[in-house]
C-alpha atoms as a PDB file:
ATOM      1  CA  MET A   1      28.238  58.561 -76.632  1.00  0.00           C
ATOM      2  CA  ASN A   2      28.218  55.694 -74.163  1.00  0.00           C
ATOM      3  CA  ASP A   3      25.798  56.152 -71.247  1.00  0.00           C
ATOM      4  CA  ASN A   4      27.869  53.858 -69.014  1.00  0.00           C
ATOM      5  CA  ILE A   5      30.380  55.714 -66.879  1.00  0.00           C
ATOM      6  CA  LEU A   6      32.166  52.559 -65.750  1.00  0.00           C
ATOM      7  CA  THR A   7      33.163  49.639 -67.936  1.00  0.00           C
ATOM      8  CA  PRO A   8      31.905  46.155 -67.089  1.00  0.00           C
ATOM      9  CA  GLN A   9      35.496  45.255 -66.141  1.00  0.00           C
ATOM     10  CA  GLU A  10      35.746  48.197 -63.722  1.00  0.00           C
ATOM     11  CA  ILE A  11      32.384  47.276 -62.201  1.00  0.00           C
ATOM     12  CA  SER A  12      33.499  43.668 -61.714  1.00  0.00           C
ATOM     13  CA  GLU A  13      36.754  44.776 -60.081  1.00  0.00           C
ATOM     14  CA  ILE A  14      34.905  47.115 -57.704  1.00  0.00           C
ATOM     15  CA  PHE A  15      32.511  44.320 -56.752  1.00  0.00           C
ATOM     16  CA  ILE A  16      35.321  41.827 -56.172  1.00  0.00           C
ATOM     17  CA  ASN A  17      37.303  44.324 -54.063  1.00  0.00           C
ATOM     18  CA  THR A  18      34.369  45.505 -51.937  1.00  0.00           C
ATOM     19  CA  PRO A  19      34.040  43.699 -48.598  1.00  0.00           C
ATOM     20  CA  LEU A  20      30.416  42.557 -48.330  1.00  0.00           C
ATOM     21  CA  GLU A  21      28.663  40.892 -45.400  1.00  0.00           C
ATOM     22  CA  GLY A  22      27.684  37.793 -47.350  1.00  0.00           C
ATOM     23  CA  ASP A  23      28.842  35.752 -50.289  1.00  0.00           C
ATOM     24  CA  TYR A  24      27.118  36.950 -53.435  1.00  0.00           C
ATOM     25  CA  ASN A  25      27.288  35.680 -56.963  1.00  0.00           C
ATOM     26  CA  PHE A  26      25.841  38.168 -59.437  1.00  0.00           C
ATOM     27  CA  LEU A  27      25.959  37.928 -63.184  1.00  0.00           C
ATOM     28  CA  GLN A  28      28.181  40.613 -64.701  1.00  0.00           C
ATOM     29  CA  ASP A  29      25.163  42.026 -66.601  1.00  0.00           C
ATOM     30  CA  ASP A  30      23.305  42.433 -63.290  1.00  0.00           C
ATOM     31  CA  LEU A  31      26.298  44.167 -61.723  1.00  0.00           C
ATOM     32  CA  VAL A  32      26.459  46.561 -64.672  1.00  0.00           C
ATOM     33  CA  LYS A  33      22.729  47.308 -64.361  1.00  0.00           C
ATOM     34  CA  LEU A  34      23.058  47.935 -60.621  1.00  0.00           C
ATOM     35  CA  ALA A  35      26.139  50.134 -61.005  1.00  0.00           C
ATOM     36  CA  ASN A  36      24.530  52.230 -63.723  1.00  0.00           C
ATOM     37  CA  ALA A  37      21.332  52.582 -61.677  1.00  0.00           C
ATOM     38  CA  TYR A  38      23.333  53.844 -58.672  1.00  0.00           C
ATOM     39  CA  ILE A  39      25.289  56.263 -60.856  1.00  0.00           C
ATOM     40  CA  LYS A  40      22.114  57.555 -62.499  1.00  0.00           C
ATOM     41  CA  ALA A  41      20.479  58.084 -59.105  1.00  0.00           C
ATOM     42  CA  ALA A  42      23.524  59.876 -57.651  1.00  0.00           C
ATOM     43  CA  ALA A  43      24.362  62.028 -60.695  1.00  0.00           C
ATOM     44  CA  PRO A  44      21.937  64.919 -59.983  1.00  0.00           C
ATOM     45  CA  LYS A  45      23.235  65.361 -56.418  1.00  0.00           C
ATOM     46  CA  ILE A  46      26.857  65.151 -57.556  1.00  0.00           C
ATOM     47  CA  ALA A  47      26.204  67.743 -60.284  1.00  0.00           C
ATOM     48  CA  LYS A  48      24.419  70.067 -57.836  1.00  0.00           C
ATOM     49  CA  ASP A  49      27.235  69.808 -55.289  1.00  0.00           C
ATOM     50  CA  GLU A  50      29.791  70.560 -58.002  1.00  0.00           C
ATOM     51  CA  ARG A  51      27.821  73.606 -59.174  1.00  0.00           C
ATOM     52  CA  ILE A  52      27.674  74.899 -55.592  1.00  0.00           C
ATOM     53  CA  LEU A  53      31.453  74.528 -55.282  1.00  0.00           C
ATOM     54  CA  CYS A  54      31.984  76.322 -58.611  1.00  0.00           C
ATOM     55  CA  VAL A  55      29.813  79.228 -57.492  1.00  0.00           C
ATOM     56  CA  ASP A  56      31.720  79.377 -54.195  1.00  0.00           C
ATOM     57  CA  VAL A  57      35.037  79.581 -56.051  1.00  0.00           C
ATOM     58  CA  ALA A  58      33.663  82.250 -58.377  1.00  0.00           C
ATOM     59  CA  ARG A  59      32.265  84.158 -55.378  1.00  0.00           C
ATOM     60  CA  SER A  60      35.731  84.244 -53.803  1.00  0.00           C
ATOM     61  CA  LEU A  61      36.992  85.995 -56.942  1.00  0.00           C
ATOM     62  CA  ASN A  62      34.010  88.007 -58.179  1.00  0.00           C
ATOM     63  CA  THR A  63      30.634  88.210 -56.472  1.00  0.00           C
ATOM     64  CA  LEU A  64      28.851  89.588 -59.547  1.00  0.00           C
ATOM     65  CA  VAL A  65      29.947  86.630 -61.651  1.00  0.00           C
ATOM     66  CA  ALA A  66      28.996  84.201 -58.886  1.00  0.00           C
ATOM     67  CA  ASP A  67      25.549  85.776 -58.532  1.00  0.00           C
ATOM     68  CA  LYS A  68      24.968  85.498 -62.284  1.00  0.00           C
ATOM     69  CA  MET A  69      26.138  81.857 -62.282  1.00  0.00           C
ATOM     70  CA  ALA A  70      23.767  81.052 -59.434  1.00  0.00           C
ATOM     71  CA  GLU A  71      20.937  82.812 -61.255  1.00  0.00           C
ATOM     72  CA  ILE A  72      21.548  80.885 -64.472  1.00  0.00           C
ATOM     73  CA  ARG A  73      21.913  77.579 -62.621  1.00  0.00           C
ATOM     74  CA  GLY A  74      18.627  77.985 -60.784  1.00  0.00           C
ATOM     75  CA  GLY A  75      19.697  79.603 -57.545  1.00  0.00           C
ATOM     76  CA  VAL A  76      22.378  77.115 -56.626  1.00  0.00           C
END
């Protein structure tokens, strides 16, 4: 399994299409390292937010199931 969520091409396109304050010239390898570092740092919060939303959906249908999901997921 590949640990990179975005391809180097996607990362380059995002960088090129993002309006920045200055003119920057990064090597593609550095862009990939930065992108993967940001993704790795954000992943736990994204996963937690998604779990909370899943429990909320389950709670709207069945509170017992939602309570069990929250219990298993560490009190989301």
